[in-house]
Amino acid sequence: MREYYEFLGVNENATDEEITARYTELKAKYGEDRWLDGEAGNEAARNLTKLETAYREIIAERKEQKTNTDGQNSFEEIAALLKEDKISEAQAKLDDFNERGAEWHYLQAVVFYKKNWTNDSKKQLEIAMQMDPDNVKYRNAYGKINAKNDYEKQTAREQTQNPYANHQEPIDDGQMGGNACSNCISCCYTYLCVDCLFSLCCGCR
């Protein structure tokens, strides 16, 4: 969230009125500059899009903070519940949100992933990336979950082509650095990457 404040050029302790005033000022500037020729106009158009995202996310977070009676950021509270695998409680709190920004969709993706609803998780990540295309956390999560899906598809194809592969006697070629455990290692690594990603990056930006 800090990068949004930096983009607007305001302090995180700024009032809502100050943030809105700065947003209005920048919107007018970028709105005028986007008609400039060449790269200057293109850059202004990109900044206008970033401005809308930054302002929307800041206001949405502030609204949720005001409704949280214990003083904890609502997203952080949900992330903490997810780390404890309290999925139902996390979902209930997500359902209470009126404003659903990029971070909301990311956390919803985590909920779906923990329920093994991979496709639904991907869709939520795609929405989060559309709303905040510069967010590295969302892109990394999307890449990891795709890697997991690709591995599962490859494994399914191999089993279809050779349904008796898993029943073959293992070859003791450990001295040769063989691959008796290579598939196991690959599988574990793939799942570990995704699990670590969703468990460690649940915290807010």
N, C-alpha and C. Protein backbone atom coordinates (compact mmCIF):
# COMPACT_ATOMS: atom_id res chain seq x y z
N MET A 1 0.82 -1.21 0.00
CA MET A 1 0.00 0.00 0.00
C MET A 1 0.86 1.26 0.00
N ARG A 2 2.06 1.16 0.53
CA ARG A 2 2.93 2.33 0.62
C ARG A 2 3.22 2.94 -0.74
N GLU A 3 3.37 2.06 -1.76
CA GLU A 3 3.71 2.58 -3.09
C GLU A 3 2.59 3.44 -3.67
N TYR A 4 1.37 3.18 -3.23
CA TYR A 4 0.25 4.00 -3.71
C TYR A 4 0.34 5.41 -3.14
N TYR A 5 0.68 5.49 -1.87
CA TYR A 5 0.85 6.81 -1.25
C TYR A 5 2.00 7.56 -1.93
N GLU A 6 3.08 6.83 -2.18
CA GLU A 6 4.24 7.45 -2.83
C GLU A 6 3.88 7.95 -4.23
N PHE A 7 3.06 7.19 -4.93
CA PHE A 7 2.67 7.61 -6.28
C PHE A 7 1.86 8.91 -6.22
N LEU A 8 0.98 9.03 -5.23
CA LEU A 8 0.20 10.25 -5.08
C LEU A 8 1.04 11.39 -4.51
N GLY A 9 2.17 11.03 -3.89
CA GLY A 9 3.02 12.06 -3.31
C GLY A 9 2.49 12.59 -1.99
N VAL A 10 1.84 11.71 -1.23
CA VAL A 10 1.31 12.11 0.07
C VAL A 10 1.80 11.15 1.14
N ASN A 11 1.77 11.60 2.38
CA ASN A 11 2.17 10.78 3.52
C ASN A 11 1.05 9.83 3.91
N GLU A 12 1.41 8.69 4.48
CA GLU A 12 0.39 7.72 4.90
C GLU A 12 -0.49 8.26 6.02
N ASN A 13 -0.03 9.30 6.70
CA ASN A 13 -0.82 9.92 7.76
C ASN A 13 -1.68 11.06 7.25
N ALA A 14 -1.68 11.28 5.95
CA ALA A 14 -2.48 12.36 5.37
C ALA A 14 -3.97 12.09 5.59
N THR A 15 -4.74 13.14 5.67
CA THR A 15 -6.19 12.98 5.86
C THR A 15 -6.85 12.56 4.55
N ASP A 16 -8.07 12.10 4.66
CA ASP A 16 -8.81 11.71 3.47
C ASP A 16 -9.00 12.90 2.54
N GLU A 17 -9.20 14.08 3.13
CA GLU A 17 -9.40 15.28 2.33
C GLU A 17 -8.13 15.63 1.55
N GLU A 18 -6.98 15.49 2.21
CA GLU A 18 -5.71 15.77 1.53
C GLU A 18 -5.45 14.79 0.40
N ILE A 19 -5.78 13.55 0.62
CA ILE A 19 -5.59 12.53 -0.41
C ILE A 19 -6.50 12.79 -1.60
N THR A 20 -7.75 13.13 -1.32
CA THR A 20 -8.70 13.41 -2.41
C THR A 20 -8.27 14.64 -3.20
N ALA A 21 -7.78 15.66 -2.50
CA ALA A 21 -7.33 16.88 -3.17
C ALA A 21 -6.15 16.59 -4.09
N ARG A 22 -5.22 15.77 -3.62
CA ARG A 22 -4.06 15.42 -4.42
C ARG A 22 -4.48 14.57 -5.63
N TYR A 23 -5.40 13.67 -5.40
CA TYR A 23 -5.92 12.84 -6.48
C TYR A 23 -6.56 13.70 -7.57
N THR A 24 -7.37 14.66 -7.15
CA THR A 24 -8.04 15.55 -8.10
C THR A 24 -7.01 16.36 -8.89
N GLU A 25 -5.98 16.82 -8.20
CA GLU A 25 -4.93 17.61 -8.86
C GLU A 25 -4.20 16.78 -9.92
N LEU A 26 -3.79 15.56 -9.55
CA LEU A 26 -3.06 14.71 -10.49
C LEU A 26 -3.94 14.23 -11.64
N LYS A 27 -5.21 14.01 -11.35
CA LYS A 27 -6.11 13.55 -12.40
C LYS A 27 -6.26 14.63 -13.47
N ALA A 28 -6.35 15.87 -13.04
CA ALA A 28 -6.47 16.97 -14.00
C ALA A 28 -5.18 17.09 -14.82
N LYS A 29 -4.04 16.92 -14.15
CA LYS A 29 -2.75 17.04 -14.84
C LYS A 29 -2.57 15.93 -15.88
N TYR A 30 -2.76 14.69 -15.45
CA TYR A 30 -2.57 13.56 -16.36
C TYR A 30 -3.64 13.55 -17.46
N GLY A 31 -4.83 13.99 -17.10
CA GLY A 31 -5.90 14.04 -18.08
C GLY A 31 -5.59 15.00 -19.21
N GLU A 32 -4.90 16.09 -18.88
CA GLU A 32 -4.50 17.06 -19.90
C GLU A 32 -3.28 16.58 -20.67
N ASP A 33 -2.31 16.00 -19.94
CA ASP A 33 -1.05 15.59 -20.58
C ASP A 33 -1.21 14.39 -21.50
N ARG A 34 -2.26 13.60 -21.32
CA ARG A 34 -2.39 12.40 -22.15
C ARG A 34 -2.64 12.74 -23.63
N TRP A 35 -2.97 13.99 -23.92
CA TRP A 35 -3.19 14.40 -25.30
C TRP A 35 -1.90 14.89 -25.96
N LEU A 36 -0.80 14.85 -25.20
CA LEU A 36 0.48 15.25 -25.77
C LEU A 36 0.94 14.22 -26.81
N ASP A 37 1.77 14.65 -27.71
CA ASP A 37 2.27 13.75 -28.75
C ASP A 37 3.32 12.79 -28.20
N GLY A 38 3.42 11.63 -28.82
CA GLY A 38 4.49 10.69 -28.52
C GLY A 38 4.41 10.05 -27.15
N GLU A 39 5.59 9.72 -26.62
CA GLU A 39 5.69 8.98 -25.36
C GLU A 39 5.15 9.76 -24.18
N ALA A 40 5.25 11.09 -24.24
CA ALA A 40 4.75 11.91 -23.13
C ALA A 40 3.25 11.67 -22.91
N GLY A 41 2.51 11.60 -24.00
CA GLY A 41 1.07 11.33 -23.89
C GLY A 41 0.79 9.92 -23.41
N ASN A 42 1.56 8.97 -23.90
CA ASN A 42 1.38 7.58 -23.47
C ASN A 42 1.68 7.41 -21.98
N GLU A 43 2.74 8.07 -21.53
CA GLU A 43 3.11 7.99 -20.12
C GLU A 43 2.04 8.60 -19.24
N ALA A 44 1.47 9.72 -19.68
CA ALA A 44 0.41 10.36 -18.91
C ALA A 44 -0.82 9.45 -18.82
N ALA A 45 -1.13 8.75 -19.90
CA ALA A 45 -2.28 7.84 -19.91
C ALA A 45 -2.05 6.68 -18.94
N ARG A 46 -0.81 6.17 -18.92
CA ARG A 46 -0.49 5.09 -17.97
C ARG A 46 -0.59 5.59 -16.53
N ASN A 47 -0.09 6.79 -16.31
CA ASN A 47 -0.14 7.35 -14.96
C ASN A 47 -1.58 7.60 -14.51
N LEU A 48 -2.44 7.93 -15.46
CA LEU A 48 -3.84 8.15 -15.13
C LEU A 48 -4.49 6.86 -14.64
N THR A 49 -4.13 5.76 -15.31
CA THR A 49 -4.64 4.45 -14.88
C THR A 49 -4.10 4.07 -13.50
N LYS A 50 -2.81 4.30 -13.29
CA LYS A 50 -2.20 4.00 -11.99
C LYS A 50 -2.82 4.86 -10.90
N LEU A 51 -3.12 6.10 -11.24
CA LEU A 51 -3.72 7.02 -10.27
C LEU A 51 -5.07 6.51 -9.79
N GLU A 52 -5.88 6.06 -10.72
CA GLU A 52 -7.21 5.55 -10.36
C GLU A 52 -7.08 4.34 -9.44
N THR A 53 -6.14 3.45 -9.77
CA THR A 53 -5.93 2.26 -8.94
C THR A 53 -5.45 2.64 -7.54
N ALA A 54 -4.48 3.53 -7.48
CA ALA A 54 -3.91 3.94 -6.19
C ALA A 54 -4.97 4.59 -5.30
N TYR A 55 -5.72 5.49 -5.87
CA TYR A 55 -6.75 6.18 -5.08
C TYR A 55 -7.82 5.21 -4.60
N ARG A 56 -8.27 4.33 -5.48
CA ARG A 56 -9.31 3.36 -5.12
C ARG A 56 -8.84 2.44 -3.99
N GLU A 57 -7.60 1.97 -4.10
CA GLU A 57 -7.08 1.04 -3.09
C GLU A 57 -6.89 1.74 -1.73
N ILE A 58 -6.39 2.96 -1.76
CA ILE A 58 -6.18 3.70 -0.52
C ILE A 58 -7.50 3.96 0.19
N ILE A 59 -8.48 4.43 -0.55
CA ILE A 59 -9.78 4.75 0.05
C ILE A 59 -10.46 3.49 0.58
N ALA A 60 -10.36 2.39 -0.19
CA ALA A 60 -10.97 1.13 0.24
C ALA A 60 -10.35 0.63 1.53
N GLU A 61 -9.02 0.70 1.61
CA GLU A 61 -8.35 0.25 2.83
C GLU A 61 -8.72 1.11 4.02
N ARG A 62 -8.80 2.41 3.82
CA ARG A 62 -9.14 3.30 4.92
C ARG A 62 -10.56 3.06 5.43
N LYS A 63 -11.46 2.75 4.54
CA LYS A 63 -12.83 2.46 4.96
C LYS A 63 -12.87 1.22 5.83
N GLU A 64 -12.10 0.20 5.44
CA GLU A 64 -12.08 -1.04 6.21
C GLU A 64 -11.41 -0.85 7.56
N GLN A 65 -10.39 -0.01 7.61
CA GLN A 65 -9.72 0.26 8.87
C GLN A 65 -10.66 0.95 9.85
N LYS A 66 -11.50 1.82 9.34
CA LYS A 66 -12.43 2.55 10.20
C LYS A 66 -13.49 1.63 10.80
N THR A 67 -13.82 0.56 10.09
CA THR A 67 -14.86 -0.35 10.59
C THR A 67 -14.29 -1.45 11.47
N ASN A 68 -12.98 -1.52 11.59
CA ASN A 68 -12.34 -2.56 12.39
C ASN A 68 -12.15 -2.05 13.81
N THR A 69 -12.90 -2.61 14.75
CA THR A 69 -12.93 -2.06 16.10
C THR A 69 -11.67 -2.34 16.91
N ASP A 70 -10.91 -3.37 16.56
CA ASP A 70 -9.73 -3.70 17.36
C ASP A 70 -8.48 -2.99 16.88
N GLY A 71 -8.60 -2.13 15.88
CA GLY A 71 -7.46 -1.34 15.41
C GLY A 71 -6.55 -2.07 14.45
N GLN A 72 -6.82 -3.31 14.18
CA GLN A 72 -6.00 -4.08 13.26
C GLN A 72 -6.52 -3.91 11.84
N ASN A 73 -5.62 -3.80 10.89
CA ASN A 73 -6.01 -3.72 9.49
C ASN A 73 -6.82 -4.97 9.14
N SER A 74 -7.95 -4.78 8.45
CA SER A 74 -8.83 -5.91 8.15
C SER A 74 -8.15 -6.95 7.28
N PHE A 75 -7.34 -6.51 6.32
CA PHE A 75 -6.64 -7.46 5.46
C PHE A 75 -5.63 -8.27 6.27
N GLU A 76 -4.95 -7.62 7.19
CA GLU A 76 -3.99 -8.33 8.04
C GLU A 76 -4.70 -9.34 8.92
N GLU A 77 -5.88 -8.98 9.38
CA GLU A 77 -6.67 -9.89 10.22
C GLU A 77 -7.06 -11.14 9.43
N ILE A 78 -7.49 -10.94 8.20
CA ILE A 78 -7.87 -12.08 7.35
C ILE A 78 -6.65 -12.93 7.02
N ALA A 79 -5.53 -12.28 6.72
CA ALA A 79 -4.30 -13.01 6.42
C ALA A 79 -3.89 -13.87 7.61
N ALA A 80 -4.04 -13.34 8.83
CA ALA A 80 -3.69 -14.09 10.03
C ALA A 80 -4.59 -15.32 10.18
N LEU A 81 -5.87 -15.15 9.88
CA LEU A 81 -6.80 -16.28 9.94
C LEU A 81 -6.43 -17.35 8.93
N LEU A 82 -6.02 -16.93 7.75
CA LEU A 82 -5.65 -17.90 6.72
C LEU A 82 -4.39 -18.66 7.09
N LYS A 83 -3.45 -17.99 7.72
CA LYS A 83 -2.23 -18.68 8.15
C LYS A 83 -2.53 -19.74 9.21
N GLU A 84 -3.64 -19.53 9.94
CA GLU A 84 -4.07 -20.50 10.94
C GLU A 84 -5.06 -21.50 10.37
N ASP A 85 -5.27 -21.42 9.04
CA ASP A 85 -6.21 -22.30 8.34
C ASP A 85 -7.64 -22.17 8.86
N LYS A 86 -7.99 -20.99 9.33
CA LYS A 86 -9.37 -20.70 9.73
C LYS A 86 -10.10 -20.14 8.51
N ILE A 87 -10.34 -21.02 7.56
CA ILE A 87 -10.83 -20.61 6.25
C ILE A 87 -12.25 -20.04 6.33
N SER A 88 -13.12 -20.68 7.08
CA SER A 88 -14.51 -20.21 7.17
C SER A 88 -14.59 -18.81 7.78
N GLU A 89 -13.77 -18.57 8.81
CA GLU A 89 -13.78 -17.26 9.44
C GLU A 89 -13.23 -16.20 8.48
N ALA A 90 -12.18 -16.56 7.75
CA ALA A 90 -11.61 -15.63 6.78
C ALA A 90 -12.61 -15.29 5.69
N GLN A 91 -13.33 -16.31 5.21
CA GLN A 91 -14.33 -16.08 4.17
C GLN A 91 -15.46 -15.19 4.67
N ALA A 92 -15.88 -15.40 5.92
CA ALA A 92 -16.95 -14.58 6.48
C ALA A 92 -16.56 -13.10 6.53
N LYS A 93 -15.31 -12.84 6.88
CA LYS A 93 -14.84 -11.45 6.94
C LYS A 93 -14.71 -10.86 5.54
N LEU A 94 -14.28 -11.67 4.58
CA LEU A 94 -14.21 -11.19 3.20
C LEU A 94 -15.61 -10.85 2.67
N ASP A 95 -16.59 -11.64 3.06
CA ASP A 95 -17.96 -11.41 2.61
C ASP A 95 -18.53 -10.10 3.16
N ASP A 96 -17.98 -9.63 4.27
CA ASP A 96 -18.48 -8.40 4.89
C ASP A 96 -17.99 -7.14 4.19
N PHE A 97 -17.00 -7.28 3.30
CA PHE A 97 -16.44 -6.11 2.62
C PHE A 97 -17.45 -5.53 1.64
N ASN A 98 -17.57 -4.21 1.66
CA ASN A 98 -18.37 -3.52 0.65
C ASN A 98 -17.51 -3.14 -0.55
N GLU A 99 -16.30 -2.64 -0.27
CA GLU A 99 -15.36 -2.29 -1.32
C GLU A 99 -14.40 -3.46 -1.54
N ARG A 100 -14.36 -3.97 -2.75
CA ARG A 100 -13.55 -5.16 -3.03
C ARG A 100 -12.46 -4.82 -4.04
N GLY A 101 -11.32 -4.42 -3.51
CA GLY A 101 -10.20 -4.04 -4.35
C GLY A 101 -9.30 -5.21 -4.68
N ALA A 102 -8.10 -4.90 -5.18
CA ALA A 102 -7.18 -5.93 -5.62
C ALA A 102 -6.77 -6.87 -4.49
N GLU A 103 -6.49 -6.30 -3.31
CA GLU A 103 -6.06 -7.13 -2.19
C GLU A 103 -7.17 -8.05 -1.73
N TRP A 104 -8.41 -7.60 -1.82
CA TRP A 104 -9.54 -8.45 -1.47
C TRP A 104 -9.57 -9.68 -2.38
N HIS A 105 -9.41 -9.45 -3.67
CA HIS A 105 -9.44 -10.57 -4.62
C HIS A 105 -8.25 -11.50 -4.42
N TYR A 106 -7.11 -10.93 -4.04
CA TYR A 106 -5.95 -11.78 -3.76
C TYR A 106 -6.24 -12.71 -2.57
N LEU A 107 -6.78 -12.14 -1.50
CA LEU A 107 -7.08 -12.95 -0.32
C LEU A 107 -8.17 -13.98 -0.62
N GLN A 108 -9.12 -13.60 -1.47
CA GLN A 108 -10.13 -14.57 -1.88
C GLN A 108 -9.49 -15.71 -2.66
N ALA A 109 -8.48 -15.38 -3.45
CA ALA A 109 -7.74 -16.42 -4.18
C ALA A 109 -7.06 -17.39 -3.21
N VAL A 110 -6.53 -16.86 -2.12
CA VAL A 110 -5.89 -17.71 -1.13
C VAL A 110 -6.91 -18.66 -0.49
N VAL A 111 -8.08 -18.12 -0.18
CA VAL A 111 -9.15 -18.95 0.38
C VAL A 111 -9.49 -20.10 -0.57
N PHE A 112 -9.69 -19.77 -1.84
CA PHE A 112 -10.04 -20.80 -2.82
C PHE A 112 -8.91 -21.82 -2.98
N TYR A 113 -7.66 -21.34 -2.94
CA TYR A 113 -6.54 -22.26 -3.06
C TYR A 113 -6.52 -23.24 -1.90
N LYS A 114 -6.77 -22.74 -0.70
CA LYS A 114 -6.76 -23.61 0.47
C LYS A 114 -7.92 -24.62 0.44
N LYS A 115 -8.95 -24.31 -0.33
CA LYS A 115 -10.06 -25.24 -0.52
C LYS A 115 -9.81 -26.18 -1.71
N ASN A 116 -8.64 -26.02 -2.35
CA ASN A 116 -8.29 -26.80 -3.54
C ASN A 116 -9.16 -26.46 -4.74
N TRP A 117 -9.67 -25.24 -4.76
CA TRP A 117 -10.43 -24.75 -5.91
C TRP A 117 -9.47 -23.94 -6.78
N THR A 118 -8.63 -24.64 -7.51
CA THR A 118 -7.54 -23.99 -8.23
C THR A 118 -8.03 -23.02 -9.29
N ASN A 119 -9.00 -23.43 -10.09
CA ASN A 119 -9.48 -22.56 -11.16
C ASN A 119 -10.10 -21.28 -10.62
N ASP A 120 -10.87 -21.41 -9.54
CA ASP A 120 -11.47 -20.22 -8.92
C ASP A 120 -10.39 -19.31 -8.35
N SER A 121 -9.36 -19.93 -7.80
CA SER A 121 -8.24 -19.15 -7.26
C SER A 121 -7.56 -18.36 -8.36
N LYS A 122 -7.34 -18.99 -9.51
CA LYS A 122 -6.71 -18.32 -10.65
C LYS A 122 -7.55 -17.14 -11.12
N LYS A 123 -8.86 -17.31 -11.18
CA LYS A 123 -9.73 -16.24 -11.64
C LYS A 123 -9.64 -15.02 -10.71
N GLN A 124 -9.58 -15.27 -9.41
CA GLN A 124 -9.47 -14.17 -8.46
C GLN A 124 -8.12 -13.46 -8.61
N LEU A 125 -7.06 -14.22 -8.86
CA LEU A 125 -5.75 -13.62 -9.07
C LEU A 125 -5.74 -12.79 -10.34
N GLU A 126 -6.43 -13.25 -11.35
CA GLU A 126 -6.49 -12.49 -12.61
C GLU A 126 -7.19 -11.15 -12.40
N ILE A 127 -8.24 -11.16 -11.59
CA ILE A 127 -8.94 -9.91 -11.29
C ILE A 127 -8.02 -8.97 -10.51
N ALA A 128 -7.30 -9.53 -9.53
CA ALA A 128 -6.38 -8.72 -8.74
C ALA A 128 -5.31 -8.09 -9.62
N MET A 129 -4.79 -8.87 -10.58
CA MET A 129 -3.74 -8.35 -11.48
C MET A 129 -4.30 -7.29 -12.42
N GLN A 130 -5.54 -7.43 -12.83
CA GLN A 130 -6.16 -6.42 -13.68
C GLN A 130 -6.32 -5.10 -12.92
N MET A 131 -6.66 -5.20 -11.65
CA MET A 131 -6.88 -4.01 -10.85
C MET A 131 -5.56 -3.36 -10.42
N ASP A 132 -4.53 -4.19 -10.25
CA ASP A 132 -3.23 -3.69 -9.82
C ASP A 132 -2.14 -4.41 -10.60
N PRO A 133 -1.95 -4.04 -11.88
CA PRO A 133 -1.03 -4.78 -12.75
C PRO A 133 0.44 -4.71 -12.35
N ASP A 134 0.81 -3.76 -11.50
CA ASP A 134 2.22 -3.62 -11.12
C ASP A 134 2.57 -4.39 -9.85
N ASN A 135 1.61 -5.08 -9.28
CA ASN A 135 1.84 -5.78 -8.01
C ASN A 135 2.59 -7.09 -8.25
N VAL A 136 3.81 -7.16 -7.76
CA VAL A 136 4.66 -8.34 -7.96
C VAL A 136 4.10 -9.56 -7.22
N LYS A 137 3.53 -9.33 -6.06
CA LYS A 137 3.00 -10.44 -5.26
C LYS A 137 1.92 -11.20 -6.03
N TYR A 138 1.02 -10.47 -6.67
CA TYR A 138 -0.05 -11.11 -7.42
C TYR A 138 0.49 -11.89 -8.60
N ARG A 139 1.45 -11.30 -9.31
CA ARG A 139 2.02 -11.96 -10.49
C ARG A 139 2.77 -13.23 -10.09
N ASN A 140 3.51 -13.16 -8.99
CA ASN A 140 4.25 -14.35 -8.54
C ASN A 140 3.29 -15.47 -8.14
N ALA A 141 2.23 -15.11 -7.44
CA ALA A 141 1.24 -16.12 -7.04
C ALA A 141 0.62 -16.78 -8.26
N TYR A 142 0.31 -15.97 -9.26
CA TYR A 142 -0.31 -16.49 -10.48
C TYR A 142 0.65 -17.42 -11.23
N GLY A 143 1.92 -17.04 -11.28
CA GLY A 143 2.91 -17.88 -11.93
C GLY A 143 3.09 -19.22 -11.24
N LYS A 144 3.11 -19.21 -9.92
CA LYS A 144 3.30 -20.45 -9.16
C LYS A 144 2.11 -21.39 -9.31
N ILE A 145 0.92 -20.81 -9.29
CA ILE A 145 -0.26 -21.68 -9.38
C ILE A 145 -0.37 -22.27 -10.78
N ASN A 146 0.08 -21.53 -11.79
CA ASN A 146 0.11 -22.06 -13.15
C ASN A 146 1.14 -23.19 -13.27
N ALA A 147 2.26 -23.03 -12.58
CA ALA A 147 3.29 -24.07 -12.59
C ALA A 147 2.74 -25.36 -11.98
N LYS A 148 1.97 -25.22 -10.92
CA LYS A 148 1.37 -26.39 -10.29
C LYS A 148 0.39 -27.07 -11.25
N ASN A 149 -0.43 -26.26 -11.92
CA ASN A 149 -1.40 -26.81 -12.87
C ASN A 149 -0.71 -27.53 -14.02
N ASP A 150 0.38 -26.93 -14.52
CA ASP A 150 1.12 -27.55 -15.62
C ASP A 150 1.70 -28.89 -15.20
N TYR A 151 2.20 -28.96 -13.96
CA TYR A 151 2.77 -30.21 -13.47
C TYR A 151 1.69 -31.29 -13.38
N GLU A 152 0.51 -30.90 -12.87
CA GLU A 152 -0.57 -31.87 -12.72
C GLU A 152 -1.04 -32.39 -14.08
N LYS A 153 -1.11 -31.49 -15.07
CA LYS A 153 -1.52 -31.90 -16.41
C LYS A 153 -0.50 -32.85 -17.03
N GLN A 154 0.79 -32.53 -16.83
CA GLN A 154 1.84 -33.38 -17.37
C GLN A 154 1.79 -34.76 -16.73
N THR A 155 1.60 -34.79 -15.42
CA THR A 155 1.53 -36.06 -14.71
C THR A 155 0.34 -36.89 -15.19
N ALA A 156 -0.80 -36.22 -15.40
CA ALA A 156 -2.00 -36.92 -15.87
C ALA A 156 -1.78 -37.51 -17.26
N ARG A 157 -1.10 -36.76 -18.13
CA ARG A 157 -0.81 -37.27 -19.47
C ARG A 157 0.09 -38.49 -19.42
N GLU A 158 1.12 -38.42 -18.56
CA GLU A 158 2.06 -39.54 -18.46
C GLU A 158 1.37 -40.79 -17.93
N GLN A 159 0.45 -40.61 -16.99
CA GLN A 159 -0.25 -41.76 -16.43
C GLN A 159 -1.21 -42.36 -17.45
N THR A 160 -1.79 -41.49 -18.31
CA THR A 160 -2.69 -41.98 -19.34
C THR A 160 -1.92 -42.78 -20.39
N GLN A 161 -0.75 -42.29 -20.75
CA GLN A 161 0.07 -42.95 -21.75
C GLN A 161 0.66 -44.25 -21.23
N ASN A 162 0.96 -44.29 -19.93
CA ASN A 162 1.57 -45.48 -19.34
C ASN A 162 0.92 -45.75 -17.99
N PRO A 163 -0.29 -46.31 -17.98
CA PRO A 163 -1.03 -46.50 -16.73
C PRO A 163 -0.37 -47.45 -15.75
N TYR A 164 0.61 -48.24 -16.21
CA TYR A 164 1.28 -49.19 -15.32
C TYR A 164 2.61 -48.67 -14.80
N ALA A 165 2.88 -47.39 -15.11
CA ALA A 165 4.18 -46.83 -14.75
C ALA A 165 4.40 -46.86 -13.24
N ASN A 166 3.33 -46.56 -12.49
CA ASN A 166 3.48 -46.49 -11.04
C ASN A 166 3.60 -47.86 -10.39
N HIS A 167 3.37 -48.94 -11.19
CA HIS A 167 3.44 -50.28 -10.61
C HIS A 167 4.75 -50.98 -10.95
N GLN A 168 5.62 -50.32 -11.69
CA GLN A 168 6.89 -50.93 -12.04
C GLN A 168 7.81 -50.98 -10.83
N GLU A 169 8.66 -52.01 -10.81
CA GLU A 169 9.63 -52.12 -9.74
C GLU A 169 10.68 -51.03 -9.90
N PRO A 170 11.01 -50.33 -8.85
CA PRO A 170 12.01 -49.27 -8.95
C PRO A 170 13.39 -49.85 -9.24
N ILE A 171 14.17 -49.13 -10.02
CA ILE A 171 15.53 -49.55 -10.35
C ILE A 171 16.49 -48.91 -9.38
N ASP A 172 17.33 -49.71 -8.79
CA ASP A 172 18.28 -49.20 -7.80
C ASP A 172 19.49 -48.62 -8.52
N ASP A 173 19.37 -47.38 -8.97
CA ASP A 173 20.48 -46.77 -9.68
C ASP A 173 20.99 -45.55 -8.93
N GLY A 174 20.89 -45.60 -7.62
CA GLY A 174 21.31 -44.47 -6.80
C GLY A 174 22.78 -44.14 -6.99
N GLN A 175 23.61 -45.12 -7.20
CA GLN A 175 25.04 -44.87 -7.36
C GLN A 175 25.32 -44.06 -8.63
N MET A 176 24.40 -44.17 -9.60
CA MET A 176 24.60 -43.48 -10.88
C MET A 176 23.94 -42.11 -10.89
N GLY A 177 23.37 -41.72 -9.75
CA GLY A 177 22.65 -40.45 -9.72
C GLY A 177 21.37 -40.55 -10.52
N GLY A 178 20.72 -41.71 -10.45
CA GLY A 178 19.54 -41.97 -11.25
C GLY A 178 18.35 -41.13 -10.84
N ASN A 179 17.20 -41.38 -11.52
CA ASN A 179 16.03 -40.53 -11.31
C ASN A 179 14.87 -41.27 -10.67
N ALA A 180 15.18 -42.26 -9.84
CA ALA A 180 14.09 -43.00 -9.21
C ALA A 180 13.20 -42.09 -8.40
N CYS A 181 13.77 -41.02 -7.80
CA CYS A 181 12.98 -40.11 -6.98
C CYS A 181 12.79 -38.75 -7.64
N SER A 182 13.21 -38.63 -8.89
CA SER A 182 13.16 -37.31 -9.52
C SER A 182 11.75 -36.79 -9.64
N ASN A 183 10.79 -37.69 -10.00
CA ASN A 183 9.41 -37.23 -10.12
C ASN A 183 8.86 -36.80 -8.78
N CYS A 184 9.22 -37.55 -7.74
CA CYS A 184 8.77 -37.20 -6.39
C CYS A 184 9.32 -35.84 -5.98
N ILE A 185 10.61 -35.64 -6.25
CA ILE A 185 11.25 -34.37 -5.89
C ILE A 185 10.62 -33.22 -6.64
N SER A 186 10.37 -33.43 -7.94
CA SER A 186 9.76 -32.38 -8.76
C SER A 186 8.39 -32.03 -8.24
N CYS A 187 7.61 -33.07 -7.92
CA CYS A 187 6.25 -32.84 -7.41
C CYS A 187 6.29 -32.07 -6.10
N CYS A 188 7.13 -32.53 -5.17
CA CYS A 188 7.22 -31.87 -3.86
C CYS A 188 7.65 -30.43 -4.00
N TYR A 189 8.62 -30.20 -4.88
CA TYR A 189 9.12 -28.84 -5.08
C TYR A 189 8.02 -27.92 -5.61
N THR A 190 7.26 -28.43 -6.60
CA THR A 190 6.20 -27.62 -7.19
C THR A 190 5.16 -27.24 -6.15
N TYR A 191 4.70 -28.22 -5.38
CA TYR A 191 3.68 -27.94 -4.38
C TYR A 191 4.22 -27.08 -3.24
N LEU A 192 5.49 -27.29 -2.90
CA LEU A 192 6.10 -26.51 -1.84
C LEU A 192 6.16 -25.04 -2.23
N CYS A 193 6.51 -24.77 -3.49
CA CYS A 193 6.59 -23.39 -3.97
C CYS A 193 5.26 -22.69 -3.82
N VAL A 194 4.18 -23.36 -4.23
CA VAL A 194 2.86 -22.73 -4.17
C VAL A 194 2.41 -22.57 -2.73
N ASP A 195 2.59 -23.61 -1.93
CA ASP A 195 2.16 -23.54 -0.54
C ASP A 195 2.91 -22.45 0.21
N CYS A 196 4.22 -22.36 -0.01
CA CYS A 196 5.01 -21.32 0.66
C CYS A 196 4.56 -19.94 0.21
N LEU A 197 4.26 -19.82 -1.04
CA LEU A 197 3.86 -18.52 -1.58
C LEU A 197 2.59 -18.05 -0.90
N PHE A 198 1.59 -18.93 -0.86
CA PHE A 198 0.32 -18.52 -0.29
C PHE A 198 0.35 -18.42 1.22
N SER A 199 1.29 -19.07 1.87
CA SER A 199 1.35 -18.97 3.33
C SER A 199 2.16 -17.79 3.79
N LEU A 200 3.16 -17.38 2.99
CA LEU A 200 4.05 -16.33 3.43
C LEU A 200 3.66 -14.94 2.94
N CYS A 201 2.90 -14.87 1.85
CA CYS A 201 2.61 -13.55 1.30
C CYS A 201 1.18 -13.16 1.55
N CYS A 202 0.56 -13.75 2.54
CA CYS A 202 -0.80 -13.35 2.84
C CYS A 202 -0.85 -11.96 3.45
N GLY A 203 0.28 -11.53 4.03
CA GLY A 203 0.30 -10.23 4.66
C GLY A 203 0.05 -9.13 3.66
N CYS A 204 -0.39 -7.99 4.10
CA CYS A 204 -0.69 -6.88 3.22
C CYS A 204 0.59 -6.32 2.65
N ARG A 205 0.45 -5.56 1.58
CA ARG A 205 1.60 -5.03 0.86
C ARG A 205 2.47 -4.16 1.73
